[in-house]
Amino acid sequence: MILTLRMTSQRLGYGRVSTLDRNLDAQADALTAAGANKLFIEKIIGTQASCPELDKLGEQMRHGATLVITGLDRLGRSAKDLLSISGGPKEKDVALEVLEQKTNTTTPKSKSFFTFIAASAEFA
């Protein structure tokens, strides 16, 4: 018996701004250029704890997908947030691709680098 695994090309893009007067077009354009098949974009005031579009994205992620973001600061507000959020994709075997930092989590080395970048992003 031959077992065939179906690879997914699901690339989900997430963009966020934290003030209502900021424009999301540049993030949307960058995510689309990076091959994101579906975008989840939101304007969330910095003090809000809930991110409805990020929650929707999490529900739609499937095994083998890639979560594409423009920068780490778009995904979380602290190293703890970033590592917590990025833990969800690992459970589903989802890669994380960060455009500005030119990194992803597809290899053990890149996963370690991501952890370092996430920690240093809090101090930037």
N, C-alpha and C. Protein backbone atom coordinates (compact mmCIF):
# COMPACT_ATOMS: atom_id res chain seq x y z
N MET A 1 0.83 -1.17 0.00
CA MET A 1 0.00 0.00 0.00
C MET A 1 0.89 1.24 0.00
N ILE A 2 0.55 2.21 -0.83
CA ILE A 2 1.30 3.46 -0.92
C ILE A 2 0.47 4.56 -0.25
N LEU A 3 1.10 5.25 0.68
CA LEU A 3 0.44 6.34 1.38
C LEU A 3 0.86 7.65 0.74
N THR A 4 -0.12 8.44 0.32
CA THR A 4 0.16 9.72 -0.30
C THR A 4 -0.29 10.83 0.62
N LEU A 5 0.62 11.76 0.90
CA LEU A 5 0.27 12.92 1.72
C LEU A 5 -0.05 14.08 0.80
N ARG A 6 -1.16 14.75 1.06
CA ARG A 6 -1.54 15.91 0.28
C ARG A 6 -0.91 17.14 0.91
N MET A 7 -0.09 17.82 0.15
CA MET A 7 0.54 19.05 0.63
C MET A 7 -0.40 20.21 0.35
N THR A 8 -0.47 21.12 1.29
CA THR A 8 -1.34 22.27 1.11
C THR A 8 -0.52 23.48 0.69
N SER A 9 -1.14 24.32 -0.10
CA SER A 9 -0.47 25.56 -0.47
C SER A 9 -1.16 26.72 0.24
N GLN A 10 -1.85 26.41 1.31
CA GLN A 10 -2.57 27.43 2.05
C GLN A 10 -1.58 28.41 2.67
N ARG A 11 -1.68 29.67 2.26
CA ARG A 11 -0.85 30.74 2.80
C ARG A 11 -1.79 31.82 3.30
N LEU A 12 -1.87 31.94 4.60
CA LEU A 12 -2.79 32.89 5.23
C LEU A 12 -2.01 34.11 5.69
N GLY A 13 -2.45 35.28 5.28
CA GLY A 13 -1.77 36.52 5.65
C GLY A 13 -2.52 37.23 6.75
N TYR A 14 -1.77 37.78 7.71
CA TYR A 14 -2.38 38.53 8.80
C TYR A 14 -1.73 39.91 8.89
N GLY A 15 -2.56 40.93 8.91
CA GLY A 15 -2.09 42.31 9.04
C GLY A 15 -2.89 43.03 10.11
N ARG A 16 -2.21 43.93 10.81
CA ARG A 16 -2.88 44.66 11.88
C ARG A 16 -2.24 46.03 12.05
N VAL A 17 -3.06 47.02 12.31
CA VAL A 17 -2.57 48.32 12.76
C VAL A 17 -3.23 48.58 14.11
N SER A 18 -2.56 49.37 14.96
CA SER A 18 -3.07 49.55 16.31
C SER A 18 -3.68 50.92 16.56
N THR A 19 -3.85 51.71 15.51
CA THR A 19 -4.61 52.95 15.62
C THR A 19 -5.56 53.04 14.44
N LEU A 20 -6.70 53.62 14.68
CA LEU A 20 -7.75 53.64 13.65
C LEU A 20 -7.41 54.51 12.45
N ASP A 21 -6.49 55.47 12.61
CA ASP A 21 -6.16 56.36 11.49
C ASP A 21 -5.04 55.83 10.60
N ARG A 22 -4.49 54.67 10.90
CA ARG A 22 -3.42 54.09 10.07
C ARG A 22 -4.00 53.28 8.93
N ASN A 23 -3.26 53.19 7.85
CA ASN A 23 -3.71 52.52 6.64
C ASN A 23 -3.10 51.12 6.57
N LEU A 24 -3.91 50.16 6.16
CA LEU A 24 -3.47 48.76 6.06
C LEU A 24 -3.03 48.36 4.66
N ASP A 25 -3.10 49.28 3.68
CA ASP A 25 -2.82 48.92 2.29
C ASP A 25 -1.43 48.36 2.08
N ALA A 26 -0.42 48.95 2.70
CA ALA A 26 0.96 48.48 2.50
C ALA A 26 1.13 47.05 3.00
N GLN A 27 0.53 46.74 4.16
CA GLN A 27 0.62 45.37 4.68
C GLN A 27 -0.12 44.40 3.76
N ALA A 28 -1.32 44.78 3.33
CA ALA A 28 -2.10 43.92 2.44
C ALA A 28 -1.35 43.66 1.14
N ASP A 29 -0.74 44.69 0.58
CA ASP A 29 0.03 44.54 -0.66
C ASP A 29 1.22 43.60 -0.46
N ALA A 30 1.94 43.76 0.65
CA ALA A 30 3.11 42.92 0.93
C ALA A 30 2.70 41.46 1.13
N LEU A 31 1.61 41.24 1.84
CA LEU A 31 1.13 39.87 2.08
C LEU A 31 0.69 39.21 0.78
N THR A 32 0.00 39.97 -0.05
CA THR A 32 -0.44 39.44 -1.34
C THR A 32 0.77 39.12 -2.23
N ALA A 33 1.75 40.02 -2.26
CA ALA A 33 2.96 39.80 -3.05
C ALA A 33 3.73 38.57 -2.57
N ALA A 34 3.61 38.26 -1.28
CA ALA A 34 4.30 37.09 -0.72
C ALA A 34 3.51 35.80 -0.95
N GLY A 35 2.39 35.91 -1.65
CA GLY A 35 1.63 34.72 -2.03
C GLY A 35 0.53 34.31 -1.07
N ALA A 36 0.11 35.20 -0.17
CA ALA A 36 -0.98 34.86 0.74
C ALA A 36 -2.26 34.65 -0.06
N ASN A 37 -2.90 33.49 0.13
CA ASN A 37 -4.15 33.16 -0.56
C ASN A 37 -5.35 33.86 0.05
N LYS A 38 -5.29 34.12 1.36
CA LYS A 38 -6.39 34.74 2.07
C LYS A 38 -5.81 35.69 3.11
N LEU A 39 -6.40 36.88 3.22
CA LEU A 39 -5.92 37.88 4.16
C LEU A 39 -6.89 38.08 5.31
N PHE A 40 -6.32 38.27 6.48
CA PHE A 40 -7.07 38.62 7.68
C PHE A 40 -6.47 39.94 8.16
N ILE A 41 -7.22 41.01 8.02
CA ILE A 41 -6.72 42.35 8.27
C ILE A 41 -7.61 43.02 9.31
N GLU A 42 -6.98 43.71 10.27
CA GLU A 42 -7.80 44.40 11.26
C GLU A 42 -7.12 45.63 11.83
N LYS A 43 -7.97 46.53 12.29
CA LYS A 43 -7.52 47.72 13.03
C LYS A 43 -7.92 47.49 14.48
N ILE A 44 -6.93 47.34 15.32
CA ILE A 44 -7.16 47.07 16.74
C ILE A 44 -6.45 48.13 17.55
N ILE A 45 -7.19 48.83 18.38
CA ILE A 45 -6.59 49.83 19.26
C ILE A 45 -5.67 49.10 20.24
N GLY A 46 -4.48 49.66 20.47
CA GLY A 46 -3.44 49.02 21.26
C GLY A 46 -3.87 48.44 22.58
N THR A 47 -4.89 48.98 23.23
CA THR A 47 -5.29 48.48 24.53
C THR A 47 -6.28 47.33 24.46
N GLN A 48 -6.83 47.05 23.29
CA GLN A 48 -7.77 45.95 23.14
C GLN A 48 -7.04 44.62 23.24
N ALA A 49 -7.60 43.69 24.00
CA ALA A 49 -6.98 42.38 24.16
C ALA A 49 -7.40 41.42 23.06
N SER A 50 -8.57 41.61 22.50
CA SER A 50 -9.12 40.70 21.52
C SER A 50 -8.75 41.11 20.10
N CYS A 51 -8.43 40.13 19.29
CA CYS A 51 -8.13 40.34 17.87
C CYS A 51 -9.01 39.37 17.07
N PRO A 52 -10.23 39.79 16.72
CA PRO A 52 -11.18 38.88 16.06
C PRO A 52 -10.66 38.24 14.76
N GLU A 53 -9.96 39.03 13.93
CA GLU A 53 -9.45 38.46 12.67
C GLU A 53 -8.35 37.43 12.92
N LEU A 54 -7.52 37.66 13.92
CA LEU A 54 -6.49 36.68 14.29
C LEU A 54 -7.15 35.39 14.79
N ASP A 55 -8.24 35.54 15.53
CA ASP A 55 -8.98 34.36 15.99
C ASP A 55 -9.56 33.59 14.81
N LYS A 56 -10.14 34.31 13.83
CA LYS A 56 -10.68 33.66 12.63
C LYS A 56 -9.59 32.93 11.87
N LEU A 57 -8.42 33.58 11.75
CA LEU A 57 -7.29 32.97 11.06
C LEU A 57 -6.92 31.66 11.74
N GLY A 58 -6.84 31.68 13.07
CA GLY A 58 -6.50 30.47 13.81
C GLY A 58 -7.46 29.33 13.56
N GLU A 59 -8.73 29.66 13.41
CA GLU A 59 -9.74 28.63 13.14
C GLU A 59 -9.59 28.05 11.73
N GLN A 60 -9.06 28.81 10.80
CA GLN A 60 -8.96 28.35 9.41
C GLN A 60 -7.62 27.71 9.06
N MET A 61 -6.65 27.81 9.96
CA MET A 61 -5.34 27.20 9.68
C MET A 61 -5.47 25.69 9.62
N ARG A 62 -4.84 25.12 8.63
CA ARG A 62 -4.85 23.68 8.45
C ARG A 62 -3.41 23.15 8.46
N HIS A 63 -3.28 21.88 8.71
CA HIS A 63 -1.98 21.21 8.72
C HIS A 63 -1.21 21.55 7.45
N GLY A 64 0.04 21.99 7.61
CA GLY A 64 0.90 22.26 6.47
C GLY A 64 0.78 23.67 5.91
N ALA A 65 -0.06 24.51 6.48
CA ALA A 65 -0.25 25.87 5.98
C ALA A 65 0.91 26.76 6.42
N THR A 66 0.95 27.96 5.86
CA THR A 66 1.93 28.97 6.24
C THR A 66 1.20 30.23 6.65
N LEU A 67 1.53 30.76 7.82
CA LEU A 67 1.02 32.04 8.30
C LEU A 67 2.05 33.09 7.92
N VAL A 68 1.63 34.07 7.11
CA VAL A 68 2.53 35.11 6.62
C VAL A 68 2.17 36.43 7.30
N ILE A 69 3.18 37.08 7.90
CA ILE A 69 2.99 38.39 8.51
C ILE A 69 4.10 39.31 8.01
N THR A 70 3.85 40.61 8.03
CA THR A 70 4.88 41.54 7.57
C THR A 70 5.97 41.72 8.61
N GLY A 71 5.61 41.79 9.88
CA GLY A 71 6.59 41.98 10.94
C GLY A 71 6.08 41.37 12.23
N LEU A 72 7.00 41.02 13.11
CA LEU A 72 6.62 40.39 14.37
C LEU A 72 5.70 41.27 15.20
N ASP A 73 5.89 42.58 15.11
CA ASP A 73 5.05 43.49 15.90
C ASP A 73 3.61 43.50 15.43
N ARG A 74 3.32 42.95 14.26
CA ARG A 74 1.94 42.85 13.79
C ARG A 74 1.22 41.67 14.40
N LEU A 75 1.96 40.69 14.89
CA LEU A 75 1.35 39.48 15.43
C LEU A 75 1.16 39.55 16.94
N GLY A 76 2.06 40.21 17.64
CA GLY A 76 1.95 40.28 19.09
C GLY A 76 2.62 41.51 19.64
N ARG A 77 2.31 41.84 20.89
CA ARG A 77 2.83 43.05 21.50
C ARG A 77 4.03 42.82 22.41
N SER A 78 4.34 41.56 22.69
CA SER A 78 5.46 41.24 23.56
C SER A 78 6.02 39.88 23.15
N ALA A 79 7.19 39.55 23.67
CA ALA A 79 7.77 38.24 23.38
C ALA A 79 6.84 37.13 23.85
N LYS A 80 6.22 37.33 25.01
CA LYS A 80 5.29 36.33 25.54
C LYS A 80 4.12 36.13 24.58
N ASP A 81 3.55 37.24 24.06
CA ASP A 81 2.46 37.14 23.09
C ASP A 81 2.90 36.39 21.85
N LEU A 82 4.06 36.77 21.30
CA LEU A 82 4.54 36.15 20.06
C LEU A 82 4.76 34.66 20.23
N LEU A 83 5.39 34.28 21.32
CA LEU A 83 5.67 32.86 21.54
C LEU A 83 4.39 32.08 21.82
N SER A 84 3.44 32.71 22.48
CA SER A 84 2.16 32.06 22.75
C SER A 84 1.38 31.86 21.45
N ILE A 85 1.30 32.91 20.64
CA ILE A 85 0.57 32.83 19.37
C ILE A 85 1.25 31.86 18.42
N SER A 86 2.56 31.90 18.36
CA SER A 86 3.27 31.02 17.43
C SER A 86 3.22 29.57 17.88
N GLY A 87 2.90 29.32 19.15
CA GLY A 87 2.74 27.94 19.63
C GLY A 87 1.55 27.25 19.00
N GLY A 88 0.48 28.00 18.71
CA GLY A 88 -0.70 27.43 18.06
C GLY A 88 -0.38 26.84 16.71
N PRO A 89 0.30 27.61 15.84
CA PRO A 89 0.67 27.05 14.54
C PRO A 89 1.53 25.79 14.65
N LYS A 90 2.44 25.73 15.65
CA LYS A 90 3.28 24.54 15.78
C LYS A 90 2.43 23.30 16.04
N GLU A 91 1.37 23.46 16.85
CA GLU A 91 0.49 22.33 17.15
C GLU A 91 -0.18 21.80 15.89
N LYS A 92 -0.43 22.68 14.92
CA LYS A 92 -1.07 22.29 13.67
C LYS A 92 -0.04 22.07 12.57
N ASP A 93 1.24 22.10 12.89
CA ASP A 93 2.32 21.99 11.93
C ASP A 93 2.19 23.06 10.85
N VAL A 94 2.04 24.30 11.31
CA VAL A 94 1.92 25.45 10.43
C VAL A 94 3.21 26.25 10.52
N ALA A 95 3.74 26.64 9.38
CA ALA A 95 4.96 27.46 9.34
C ALA A 95 4.58 28.92 9.53
N LEU A 96 5.49 29.68 10.10
CA LEU A 96 5.32 31.12 10.26
C LEU A 96 6.39 31.79 9.42
N GLU A 97 5.97 32.70 8.54
CA GLU A 97 6.89 33.45 7.69
C GLU A 97 6.78 34.93 8.02
N VAL A 98 7.92 35.56 8.37
CA VAL A 98 7.94 36.97 8.73
C VAL A 98 8.71 37.72 7.65
N LEU A 99 8.01 38.57 6.91
CA LEU A 99 8.60 39.21 5.74
C LEU A 99 9.72 40.19 6.09
N GLU A 100 9.51 41.10 7.03
CA GLU A 100 10.52 42.12 7.36
C GLU A 100 11.79 41.50 7.93
N GLN A 101 11.66 40.48 8.75
CA GLN A 101 12.82 39.84 9.35
C GLN A 101 13.38 38.72 8.46
N LYS A 102 12.72 38.48 7.32
CA LYS A 102 13.16 37.46 6.36
C LYS A 102 13.46 36.13 7.06
N THR A 103 12.49 35.67 7.83
CA THR A 103 12.66 34.42 8.55
C THR A 103 11.37 33.60 8.49
N ASN A 104 11.50 32.33 8.80
CA ASN A 104 10.35 31.44 8.87
C ASN A 104 10.65 30.36 9.91
N THR A 105 9.70 29.48 10.13
CA THR A 105 9.89 28.44 11.14
C THR A 105 9.81 27.05 10.52
N THR A 106 10.42 26.87 9.37
CA THR A 106 10.34 25.58 8.69
C THR A 106 11.47 24.63 9.05
N THR A 107 12.50 25.11 9.72
CA THR A 107 13.62 24.26 10.12
C THR A 107 13.91 24.47 11.61
N PRO A 108 14.57 23.53 12.25
CA PRO A 108 14.92 23.72 13.67
C PRO A 108 15.77 24.98 13.89
N LYS A 109 16.70 25.27 12.97
CA LYS A 109 17.54 26.46 13.11
C LYS A 109 16.70 27.72 13.01
N SER A 110 15.77 27.75 12.06
CA SER A 110 14.94 28.95 11.91
C SER A 110 13.96 29.10 13.07
N LYS A 111 13.54 27.99 13.68
CA LYS A 111 12.67 28.07 14.87
C LYS A 111 13.43 28.71 16.03
N SER A 112 14.69 28.33 16.20
CA SER A 112 15.52 28.93 17.26
C SER A 112 15.73 30.41 17.00
N PHE A 113 15.99 30.75 15.73
CA PHE A 113 16.19 32.15 15.37
C PHE A 113 14.93 32.95 15.64
N PHE A 114 13.75 32.37 15.32
CA PHE A 114 12.49 33.04 15.59
C PHE A 114 12.34 33.36 17.08
N THR A 115 12.68 32.41 17.94
CA THR A 115 12.58 32.63 19.38
C THR A 115 13.46 33.80 19.80
N PHE A 116 14.67 33.87 19.25
CA PHE A 116 15.59 34.97 19.55
C PHE A 116 15.00 36.29 19.05
N ILE A 117 14.51 36.32 17.82
CA ILE A 117 13.93 37.53 17.24
C ILE A 117 12.72 37.98 18.04
N ALA A 118 11.87 37.02 18.44
CA ALA A 118 10.66 37.36 19.22
C ALA A 118 11.05 38.02 20.53
N ALA A 119 12.08 37.51 21.18
CA ALA A 119 12.52 38.10 22.44
C ALA A 119 13.08 39.49 22.23
N SER A 120 13.86 39.68 21.18
CA SER A 120 14.46 41.00 20.94
C SER A 120 13.46 42.00 20.40
N ALA A 121 12.37 41.54 19.76
CA ALA A 121 11.37 42.45 19.21
C ALA A 121 10.69 43.24 20.32
N GLU A 122 10.62 42.68 21.51
CA GLU A 122 9.98 43.35 22.63
C GLU A 122 10.75 44.61 23.03
N PHE A 123 12.04 44.63 22.76
CA PHE A 123 12.88 45.74 23.19
C PHE A 123 13.11 46.76 22.09
N ALA A 124 12.59 46.49 20.89
CA ALA A 124 12.79 47.41 19.75
C ALA A 124 11.91 48.64 19.84
